Amino acid sequence: GRLEAVTQQMGYHPQYLDSFLKTQHYLMHMDGPLPFDSRHYIAIMAAARHQCRYLVNLHVLQFLRAGGDPQWLRGLDFIPPKLRNLNEINKILAHRPWLITKEHIEKLLKISEWSWSLAELVHAVVLLAHCHALASFVFGCGCEQDEGLGGRGSLKPLSPGNQCFCEATAGNGCSQELLRINRKRSLDSCMELDSLRERMQRIHVETEGREETKLLQQDREEGEGQGAEVGAQGGTEHRSDLSAGLSPLTDIDGEVTGATNLACYMQDPDFGYQDFARRDEDQTQVFRVQDYSWEDHGFSLVNRLYSDIGHLLDEKFRMVDGLQSSALAKRQGCEPSVFKRGIWNYIHCMFGIRYDDYDYAEVNQLLERMLKVYIKTVTCYPEKTNSEMFDRFWKQFKHSEKVHVNLLILEARMQAELLYALQAITQYMI
């Protein structure tokens, strides 16, 4: 239930990793408007939009550990209407955040007994944006591929062996409190593992009907004779599958397996990113940062409705902006700040966010074509990222510099989603 692959990659930039872990821990495990099981289910919904099994599996395990109802894991049809109503803004924020309006907010806040409070909704929106952006990082750095057979050869972990949740930052500014909490959580995880296995097995037995057993048996029989064909058709695994209404199973290390089809966690799966520049004329106009910015508007709103999260997010945005990138920029023949701003503004431009004081001709001068293709793929449809893309962009650059680019993508994307959602909430409140 730990973000080991993610922390190993972020560990190339330990100060950022410290900031990220504090935010992740606060969102998921500290006091807040939302119940703990709901937080993990919202994370599952968000990660499923990008078919990110790495994050879905992680949060399925943590959802159960938090006492979540196993029936919810059968899909959106089995969860309370209040959570199911979040599906629309999850879909919009993940793919076309410029479409979100105050009407979407109003609908969630005024649905009789299933209504959300403003504080709950802000917590949910931050969770959605966080998990969508983290899915981009997971695919961009190969953590998703590492979950499969063999992993991605080009991606090397920070150090050999398994790292603890926060180990990568030891001695690099990571708070002792976080280290204590996560060491305790690692110990608790070991102690809970046996009982968790038993519980999941019991759930499996209770929910598996005769017909599903028969189908599973047929799959196994077919698989024995057509193993190669199955692999060619997308690696379908012959084990209990979440979309079939069966509980996930754990392997010998307690990792959740079997989330081979995530369709049960989303509606309208064909809804995806669409170039903002090609939008219909009657859709949302360009988002101008001088009218609504994180610093002047978003920060204060989110901090007022969900105490302290604004400070954590602001620290994370500033941390990624302050990362050293002199070598990275030098190879592009410009100042580090100019290069980073080019990447940030290019990402925001894809979501219709414009800065009046920026000359967008710089983007084409600063970013070579393969880098732009990579950034757009990881940002807008990360599930289409493959190892070849990672290997081909900036062959001469260090691995840590490529991770730096992915951190910029993560934070720029998250801020873009938050700007649209928080602006819609502000318009509703006004």
Protein backbone atom coordinates (compact mmCIF):
# COMPACT_ATOMS: atom_id res chain seq x y z
CA GLY A 1 0.00 0.00 0.00
CA ARG A 2 2.97 2.34 -0.42
CA LEU A 3 4.08 4.55 -3.27
CA GLU A 4 7.47 2.87 -3.56
CA ALA A 5 7.93 3.21 -7.32
CA VAL A 6 6.84 6.85 -7.19
CA THR A 7 9.07 7.79 -4.25
CA GLN A 8 12.06 6.12 -5.89
CA GLN A 9 11.65 8.32 -8.97
CA MET A 10 10.90 11.50 -7.00
CA GLY A 11 13.88 10.66 -4.80
CA TYR A 12 16.12 12.20 -7.46
CA HIS A 13 14.76 15.50 -6.11
CA PRO A 14 14.53 14.88 -2.33
CA GLN A 15 13.31 18.32 -1.30
CA TYR A 16 10.37 18.03 -3.65
CA LEU A 17 9.71 14.47 -2.46
CA ASP A 18 9.48 15.71 1.13
CA SER A 19 6.87 18.29 0.11
CA PHE A 20 4.93 15.75 -1.97
CA LEU A 21 4.80 13.17 0.84
CA LYS A 22 3.53 15.73 3.33
CA THR A 23 0.71 16.69 0.96
CA GLN A 24 -0.14 13.07 0.13
CA HIS A 25 -0.21 12.16 3.82
CA TYR A 26 -2.38 15.16 4.74
CA LEU A 27 -4.89 14.47 1.94
CA MET A 28 -5.28 10.79 2.74
CA HIS A 29 -4.58 10.29 6.43
CA MET A 30 -5.05 13.50 8.43
CA ASP A 31 -8.22 15.17 9.72
CA GLY A 32 -10.36 16.59 6.93
CA PRO A 33 -13.96 16.95 5.72
CA LEU A 34 -14.16 13.52 4.04
CA PRO A 35 -14.25 10.03 5.64
CA PHE A 36 -11.08 8.02 5.07
CA ASP A 37 -12.73 5.26 3.02
CA SER A 38 -14.34 7.86 0.71
CA ARG A 39 -10.97 9.53 0.13
CA HIS A 40 -9.47 6.31 -1.18
CA TYR A 41 -12.53 5.55 -3.30
CA ILE A 42 -12.37 9.01 -4.88
CA ALA A 43 -8.69 8.30 -5.63
CA ILE A 44 -9.74 5.01 -7.30
CA MET A 45 -12.30 6.88 -9.44
CA ALA A 46 -9.71 9.49 -10.44
CA ALA A 47 -6.97 6.98 -11.32
CA ALA A 48 -9.42 4.82 -13.30
CA ARG A 49 -10.08 7.69 -15.72
CA HIS A 50 -6.51 7.16 -16.97
CA GLN A 51 -6.53 3.36 -16.55
CA CYS A 52 -3.78 3.68 -13.93
CA ARG A 53 -3.73 0.25 -12.29
CA TYR A 54 -0.78 1.20 -10.10
CA LEU A 55 -2.80 3.84 -8.23
CA VAL A 56 -6.09 1.92 -8.36
CA ASN A 57 -4.49 -1.14 -6.76
CA LEU A 58 -2.80 0.99 -4.13
CA HIS A 59 -6.03 2.69 -3.09
CA VAL A 60 -8.15 -0.47 -3.26
CA LEU A 61 -5.88 -1.93 -0.58
CA GLN A 62 -5.95 1.25 1.51
CA PHE A 63 -9.73 1.54 1.05
CA LEU A 64 -10.20 -1.90 2.60
CA ARG A 65 -7.70 -1.15 5.33
CA ALA A 66 -9.68 2.00 6.18
CA GLY A 67 -12.78 -0.15 6.71
CA GLY A 68 -14.40 0.54 3.34
CA ASP A 69 -17.39 -1.54 2.19
CA PRO A 70 -16.03 -4.28 -0.13
CA GLN A 71 -19.22 -4.10 -2.21
CA TRP A 72 -18.14 -0.65 -3.43
CA LEU A 73 -15.27 -2.32 -5.27
CA ARG A 74 -17.80 -3.87 -7.64
CA GLY A 75 -18.13 -0.48 -9.32
CA LEU A 76 -20.04 2.80 -9.38
CA ASP A 77 -23.42 1.06 -9.35
CA PHE A 78 -22.67 -0.19 -5.83
CA ILE A 79 -21.63 3.05 -4.13
CA PRO A 80 -23.78 5.71 -2.40
CA PRO A 81 -25.39 8.24 -4.78
CA LYS A 82 -23.43 11.04 -3.11
CA LEU A 83 -20.12 9.57 -4.29
CA ARG A 84 -21.55 8.50 -7.64
CA ASN A 85 -22.64 12.09 -8.32
CA LEU A 86 -18.96 13.08 -8.25
CA ASN A 87 -18.41 11.11 -11.45
CA GLU A 88 -19.27 14.01 -13.77
CA ILE A 89 -16.70 16.47 -12.45
CA ASN A 90 -14.16 13.66 -12.16
CA LYS A 91 -14.60 13.02 -15.88
CA ILE A 92 -14.47 16.71 -16.82
CA LEU A 93 -11.49 17.62 -14.64
CA ALA A 94 -9.50 14.63 -15.91
CA HIS A 95 -9.92 15.41 -19.59
CA ARG A 96 -11.44 18.84 -20.36
CA PRO A 97 -11.37 20.95 -17.18
CA TRP A 98 -12.39 24.08 -19.09
CA LEU A 99 -15.92 22.65 -19.33
CA ILE A 100 -16.60 22.79 -15.58
CA THR A 101 -19.16 25.43 -14.59
CA LYS A 102 -20.85 26.76 -11.48
CA GLU A 103 -23.89 24.65 -12.49
CA HIS A 104 -21.84 21.49 -11.89
CA ILE A 105 -20.98 22.81 -8.43
CA GLU A 106 -24.56 23.82 -7.68
CA LYS A 107 -25.84 20.38 -8.66
CA LEU A 108 -23.55 18.68 -6.16
CA LEU A 109 -24.35 21.08 -3.35
CA LYS A 110 -28.14 20.91 -3.79
CA ILE A 111 -29.12 17.25 -4.09
CA SER A 112 -31.38 16.71 -1.06
CA GLU A 113 -29.95 14.12 1.33
CA TRP A 114 -27.04 13.38 -1.00
CA SER A 115 -25.73 16.95 -1.05
CA TRP A 116 -22.08 17.83 -0.53
CA SER A 117 -20.87 20.59 1.77
CA LEU A 118 -18.48 23.16 0.31
CA ALA A 119 -15.66 21.86 2.49
CA GLU A 120 -16.25 18.26 1.38
CA LEU A 121 -16.36 19.29 -2.25
CA VAL A 122 -13.09 21.22 -2.01
CA HIS A 123 -11.44 18.19 -0.39
CA ALA A 124 -12.81 15.97 -3.19
CA VAL A 125 -11.68 18.35 -5.93
CA VAL A 126 -8.14 18.52 -4.53
CA LEU A 127 -8.09 14.70 -4.33
CA LEU A 128 -9.26 14.34 -7.93
CA ALA A 129 -6.72 16.83 -9.28
CA HIS A 130 -3.95 15.27 -7.17
CA CYS A 131 -4.66 11.75 -8.44
CA HIS A 132 -5.14 12.77 -12.09
CA ALA A 133 -1.78 14.57 -12.02
CA LEU A 134 -0.10 11.73 -10.14
CA ALA A 135 -1.35 9.31 -12.81
CA SER A 136 0.53 11.43 -15.36
CA PHE A 137 3.70 11.08 -13.29
CA VAL A 138 3.16 7.32 -12.83
CA PHE A 139 2.90 6.76 -16.58
CA GLY A 140 5.50 9.38 -17.49
CA CYS A 141 8.20 7.82 -15.28
CA GLY A 142 7.28 4.22 -16.01
CA CYS A 143 5.90 3.26 -12.59
CA GLU A 144 2.84 1.73 -14.28
CA GLN A 145 5.01 -0.32 -16.63
CA ASP A 146 7.20 -1.39 -13.73
CA GLU A 147 4.14 -3.07 -12.26
CA GLY A 148 4.02 -5.40 -15.25
CA LEU A 149 6.40 -8.18 -16.23
CA GLY A 150 9.97 -7.00 -16.31
CA GLY A 151 9.17 -3.33 -15.86
CA ARG A 152 10.80 -0.66 -17.97
CA GLY A 153 14.44 -1.27 -18.47
CA SER A 154 15.40 2.37 -18.88
CA LEU A 155 14.04 3.37 -15.48
CA LYS A 156 16.42 2.60 -12.66
CA PRO A 157 15.40 2.95 -9.02
CA LEU A 158 17.21 5.40 -6.78
CA SER A 159 18.87 2.62 -4.79
CA PRO A 160 18.73 -1.18 -4.72
CA GLY A 161 16.10 -2.95 -2.67
CA ASN A 162 12.74 -1.77 -1.44
CA GLN A 163 12.52 1.70 0.02
CA CYS A 164 10.20 2.59 2.82
CA PHE A 165 7.50 5.18 2.13
CA CYS A 166 9.72 8.07 3.18
CA GLU A 167 13.19 6.55 3.18
CA ALA A 168 14.35 8.36 0.06
CA THR A 169 14.33 11.69 1.89
CA ALA A 170 16.11 10.63 5.09
CA GLY A 171 18.69 13.26 5.87
CA ASN A 172 17.35 15.56 3.16
CA GLY A 173 14.89 17.66 5.10
CA CYS A 174 12.10 15.10 5.50
CA SER A 175 10.42 15.75 8.83
CA GLN A 176 11.14 13.29 11.62
CA GLU A 177 7.41 13.15 12.33
CA LEU A 178 6.72 11.87 8.81
CA LEU A 179 9.46 9.28 9.15
CA ARG A 180 8.00 8.12 12.48
CA ILE A 181 4.46 7.95 11.09
CA ASN A 182 5.46 6.00 8.01
CA ARG A 183 7.73 3.57 9.85
CA LYS A 184 4.79 2.87 12.16
CA ARG A 185 2.53 2.44 9.13
CA SER A 186 4.99 -0.04 7.61
CA LEU A 187 4.95 -2.04 10.86
CA ASP A 188 1.17 -1.86 11.05
CA SER A 189 0.96 -3.04 7.45
CA CYS A 190 2.93 -6.18 8.28
CA MET A 191 0.76 -6.89 11.32
CA GLU A 192 -2.44 -6.33 9.36
CA LEU A 193 -1.41 -8.35 6.35
CA ASP A 194 -2.54 -11.77 7.54
CA SER A 195 -5.94 -10.52 8.68
CA LEU A 196 -6.31 -8.49 5.48
CA ARG A 197 -5.61 -11.57 3.36
CA GLU A 198 -8.24 -13.51 5.29
CA ARG A 199 -10.76 -10.71 4.95
CA MET A 200 -10.21 -10.33 1.22
CA GLN A 201 -10.47 -14.07 0.71
CA ARG A 202 -13.75 -14.10 2.64
CA ILE A 203 -15.08 -11.24 0.51
CA HIS A 204 -14.04 -13.17 -2.57
CA VAL A 205 -16.00 -16.25 -1.47
CA GLU A 206 -19.08 -14.23 -0.50
CA THR A 207 -19.32 -12.27 -3.74
CA GLU A 208 -18.40 -14.95 -6.23
CA GLY A 209 -21.56 -16.51 -7.67
CA ARG A 210 -21.82 -19.83 -9.48
CA GLU A 211 -21.98 -18.21 -12.88
CA GLU A 212 -18.88 -16.12 -12.24
CA THR A 213 -17.01 -19.21 -11.08
CA LYS A 214 -18.00 -20.98 -14.28
CA LEU A 215 -16.83 -18.05 -16.42
CA LEU A 216 -13.55 -17.92 -14.55
CA GLN A 217 -13.02 -21.64 -15.11
CA GLN A 218 -13.73 -21.22 -18.82
CA ASP A 219 -11.18 -18.41 -18.95
CA ARG A 220 -8.55 -20.64 -17.35
CA GLU A 221 -9.24 -23.49 -19.75
CA GLU A 222 -9.08 -21.21 -22.75
CA GLY A 223 -5.94 -19.60 -21.38
CA GLU A 224 -4.10 -22.90 -21.12
CA GLY A 225 -4.49 -23.42 -24.85
CA GLN A 226 -4.25 -19.83 -25.99
CA GLY A 227 -1.72 -18.20 -23.65
CA ALA A 228 0.14 -16.49 -26.45
CA GLU A 229 -3.05 -15.16 -28.00
CA VAL A 230 -4.23 -13.72 -24.69
CA GLY A 231 -0.92 -11.90 -24.26
CA ALA A 232 -1.30 -10.37 -27.69
CA GLN A 233 -4.78 -9.16 -26.80
CA GLY A 234 -3.64 -6.94 -23.97
CA GLY A 235 -2.34 -9.31 -21.31
CA THR A 236 -5.66 -10.40 -19.82
CA GLU A 237 -4.87 -12.12 -16.55
CA HIS A 238 -6.76 -15.22 -15.45
CA ARG A 239 -7.68 -14.17 -11.96
CA SER A 240 -10.55 -12.44 -10.21
CA ASP A 241 -11.30 -9.20 -11.97
CA LEU A 242 -12.78 -6.12 -10.29
CA SER A 243 -15.14 -5.40 -13.16
CA ALA A 244 -16.71 -8.84 -12.75
CA GLY A 245 -17.84 -7.93 -9.26
CA LEU A 246 -15.12 -10.00 -7.59
CA SER A 247 -12.87 -8.75 -4.85
CA PRO A 248 -9.18 -8.14 -5.59
CA LEU A 249 -6.82 -10.84 -4.37
CA THR A 250 -3.45 -10.40 -2.72
CA ASP A 251 -0.24 -12.04 -3.80
CA ILE A 252 2.38 -13.35 -1.41
CA ASP A 253 3.62 -9.84 -0.59
CA GLY A 254 0.14 -8.52 0.04
CA GLU A 255 -0.02 -6.47 -3.16
CA VAL A 256 -3.43 -6.17 -4.74
CA THR A 257 -3.69 -7.93 -8.07
CA GLY A 258 -6.35 -8.55 -10.65
CA ALA A 259 -7.48 -5.02 -11.54
CA THR A 260 -7.33 -5.93 -15.21
CA ASN A 261 -10.44 -4.00 -16.21
CA LEU A 262 -11.19 -0.66 -14.60
CA ALA A 263 -14.38 0.07 -16.56
CA CYS A 264 -16.57 -0.50 -13.49
CA TYR A 265 -15.10 2.62 -11.88
CA MET A 266 -16.11 5.05 -14.61
CA GLN A 267 -18.94 6.08 -16.87
CA ASP A 268 -18.59 7.42 -20.41
CA PRO A 269 -15.14 5.84 -20.96
CA ASP A 270 -14.91 7.32 -24.47
CA PHE A 271 -14.85 10.86 -23.05
CA GLY A 272 -11.24 12.03 -23.33
CA TYR A 273 -9.00 15.00 -23.97
CA GLN A 274 -9.89 17.22 -26.89
CA ASP A 275 -7.61 19.97 -28.15
CA PHE A 276 -8.68 23.21 -26.54
CA ALA A 277 -7.80 25.10 -29.72
CA ARG A 278 -10.38 23.04 -31.64
CA ARG A 279 -13.21 23.52 -29.16
CA ASP A 280 -16.61 24.70 -30.36
CA GLU A 281 -17.10 28.44 -30.31
CA ASP A 282 -19.89 28.22 -27.74
CA GLN A 283 -17.63 26.56 -25.19
CA THR A 284 -15.61 28.22 -22.46
CA GLN A 285 -13.36 31.01 -23.57
CA VAL A 286 -9.65 31.25 -22.82
CA PHE A 287 -8.87 31.27 -19.08
CA ARG A 288 -6.82 34.39 -18.34
CA VAL A 289 -4.60 34.12 -15.28
CA GLN A 290 -4.79 37.84 -14.52
CA ASP A 291 -8.52 37.33 -13.88
CA TYR A 292 -8.17 34.28 -11.63
CA SER A 293 -4.81 32.99 -10.36
CA TRP A 294 -3.65 30.50 -7.76
CA GLU A 295 -1.72 33.14 -5.80
CA ASP A 296 -4.47 35.77 -5.67
CA HIS A 297 -7.64 33.66 -5.63
CA GLY A 298 -7.31 29.86 -5.51
CA PHE A 299 -4.96 29.66 -2.52
CA SER A 300 -7.13 31.66 -0.14
CA LEU A 301 -10.35 29.87 -1.16
CA VAL A 302 -9.00 26.35 -0.78
CA ASN A 303 -7.25 27.18 2.50
CA ARG A 304 -10.42 28.69 3.94
CA LEU A 305 -12.59 25.66 3.14
CA TYR A 306 -10.01 22.91 3.80
CA SER A 307 -7.66 24.10 6.51
CA ASP A 308 -3.91 24.15 5.73
CA ILE A 309 -4.10 22.29 2.40
CA GLY A 310 -3.50 25.58 0.58
CA HIS A 311 -0.15 26.00 2.34
CA LEU A 312 0.91 22.46 1.44
CA LEU A 313 -0.08 22.86 -2.21
CA ASP A 314 1.57 26.26 -2.43
CA GLU A 315 4.80 24.85 -0.99
CA LYS A 316 4.71 22.05 -3.58
CA PHE A 317 4.15 24.47 -6.48
CA ARG A 318 7.03 26.64 -5.26
CA MET A 319 9.26 23.64 -4.65
CA VAL A 320 8.99 22.37 -8.23
CA ASP A 321 9.63 25.89 -9.51
CA GLY A 322 12.76 26.14 -7.37
CA LEU A 323 14.32 22.81 -8.40
CA GLN A 324 17.82 23.19 -9.78
CA SER A 325 17.88 22.72 -13.54
CA SER A 326 20.97 24.60 -14.70
CA ALA A 327 22.28 21.71 -16.80
CA LEU A 328 18.83 21.06 -18.20
CA ALA A 329 18.44 24.67 -19.31
CA LYS A 330 22.06 25.10 -20.42
CA ARG A 331 21.61 22.43 -23.08
CA GLN A 332 18.67 24.38 -24.41
CA GLY A 333 20.71 27.59 -24.43
CA CYS A 334 18.64 29.60 -21.95
CA GLU A 335 18.22 30.48 -18.30
CA PRO A 336 16.69 27.79 -16.05
CA SER A 337 13.70 29.96 -15.15
CA VAL A 338 12.97 30.65 -18.83
CA PHE A 339 13.08 26.98 -19.72
CA LYS A 340 10.85 25.88 -16.83
CA ARG A 341 8.35 28.63 -17.55
CA GLY A 342 8.19 27.50 -21.18
CA ILE A 343 7.23 23.95 -20.13
CA TRP A 344 4.73 25.20 -17.50
CA ASN A 345 3.02 27.64 -19.86
CA TYR A 346 2.90 25.08 -22.67
CA ILE A 347 1.05 22.65 -20.38
CA HIS A 348 -1.37 25.36 -19.23
CA CYS A 349 -1.91 26.42 -22.85
CA MET A 350 -3.14 22.91 -23.69
CA PHE A 351 -5.84 23.43 -21.06
CA GLY A 352 -6.79 26.88 -22.36
CA ILE A 353 -4.97 28.87 -19.66
CA ARG A 354 -3.14 31.95 -20.93
CA TYR A 355 -0.64 34.42 -19.47
CA ASP A 356 -0.89 37.85 -21.08
CA ASP A 357 2.73 38.69 -20.24
CA TYR A 358 4.18 35.67 -22.05
CA ASP A 359 5.32 35.40 -25.66
CA TYR A 360 4.12 31.94 -26.73
CA ALA A 361 6.50 31.95 -29.69
CA GLU A 362 9.15 31.06 -27.10
CA VAL A 363 7.60 27.63 -26.61
CA ASN A 364 8.51 26.51 -30.12
CA GLN A 365 12.02 27.92 -29.73
CA LEU A 366 12.65 26.26 -26.36
CA LEU A 367 10.97 22.88 -26.73
CA GLU A 368 12.01 20.48 -29.45
CA ARG A 369 9.32 18.47 -31.19
CA MET A 370 9.89 15.12 -29.44
CA LEU A 371 9.79 16.83 -26.06
CA LYS A 372 6.50 18.55 -26.93
CA VAL A 373 4.97 15.25 -28.07
CA TYR A 374 6.09 13.61 -24.83
CA ILE A 375 4.74 16.44 -22.63
CA LYS A 376 1.39 16.50 -24.39
CA THR A 377 0.97 12.72 -24.17
CA VAL A 378 1.86 12.51 -20.47
CA THR A 379 -0.31 15.53 -19.67
CA CYS A 380 -3.43 14.86 -21.71
CA TYR A 381 -3.62 11.09 -22.21
CA PRO A 382 -0.92 9.54 -19.99
CA GLU A 383 -2.24 6.01 -20.52
CA LYS A 384 -0.85 6.22 -24.09
CA THR A 385 2.71 6.86 -22.86
CA ASN A 386 5.18 4.11 -23.69
CA SER A 387 8.82 3.40 -22.92
CA GLU A 388 9.90 4.40 -26.43
CA MET A 389 8.63 7.94 -25.86
CA PHE A 390 10.59 8.20 -22.62
CA ASP A 391 13.74 6.83 -24.26
CA ARG A 392 13.53 9.05 -27.35
CA PHE A 393 13.05 12.47 -25.82
CA TRP A 394 16.36 14.14 -24.88
CA LYS A 395 18.59 11.12 -25.30
CA GLN A 396 21.51 13.17 -24.03
CA PHE A 397 19.76 14.11 -20.78
CA LYS A 398 20.17 12.43 -17.41
CA HIS A 399 17.41 10.34 -15.89
CA SER A 400 17.00 12.87 -13.05
CA GLU A 401 16.41 15.64 -15.61
CA LYS A 402 13.65 13.63 -17.25
CA VAL A 403 12.07 13.08 -13.85
CA HIS A 404 12.26 16.86 -13.34
CA VAL A 405 10.20 17.38 -16.50
CA ASN A 406 7.62 14.91 -15.19
CA LEU A 407 7.41 16.82 -11.89
CA LEU A 408 6.71 20.01 -13.83
CA ILE A 409 3.96 18.17 -15.74
CA LEU A 410 2.46 16.86 -12.49
CA GLU A 411 2.30 20.27 -10.80
CA ALA A 412 1.27 22.31 -13.85
CA ARG A 413 -1.53 19.89 -14.61
CA MET A 414 -2.74 19.82 -11.01
CA GLN A 415 -2.77 23.62 -10.80
CA ALA A 416 -4.67 23.87 -14.09
CA GLU A 417 -7.45 21.55 -12.83
CA LEU A 418 -7.61 23.40 -9.51
CA LEU A 419 -7.88 26.78 -11.20
CA TYR A 420 -10.93 25.73 -13.23
CA ALA A 421 -12.63 23.94 -10.32
CA LEU A 422 -11.97 26.68 -7.77
CA GLN A 423 -13.09 29.39 -10.18
CA ALA A 424 -16.38 27.51 -10.68
CA ILE A 425 -16.80 27.23 -6.89
CA THR A 426 -16.07 30.95 -6.52
CA GLN A 427 -18.67 31.81 -9.18
CA TYR A 428 -21.20 29.61 -7.38
CA MET A 429 -20.50 31.35 -4.06
CA ILE A 430 -20.84 34.80 -5.63
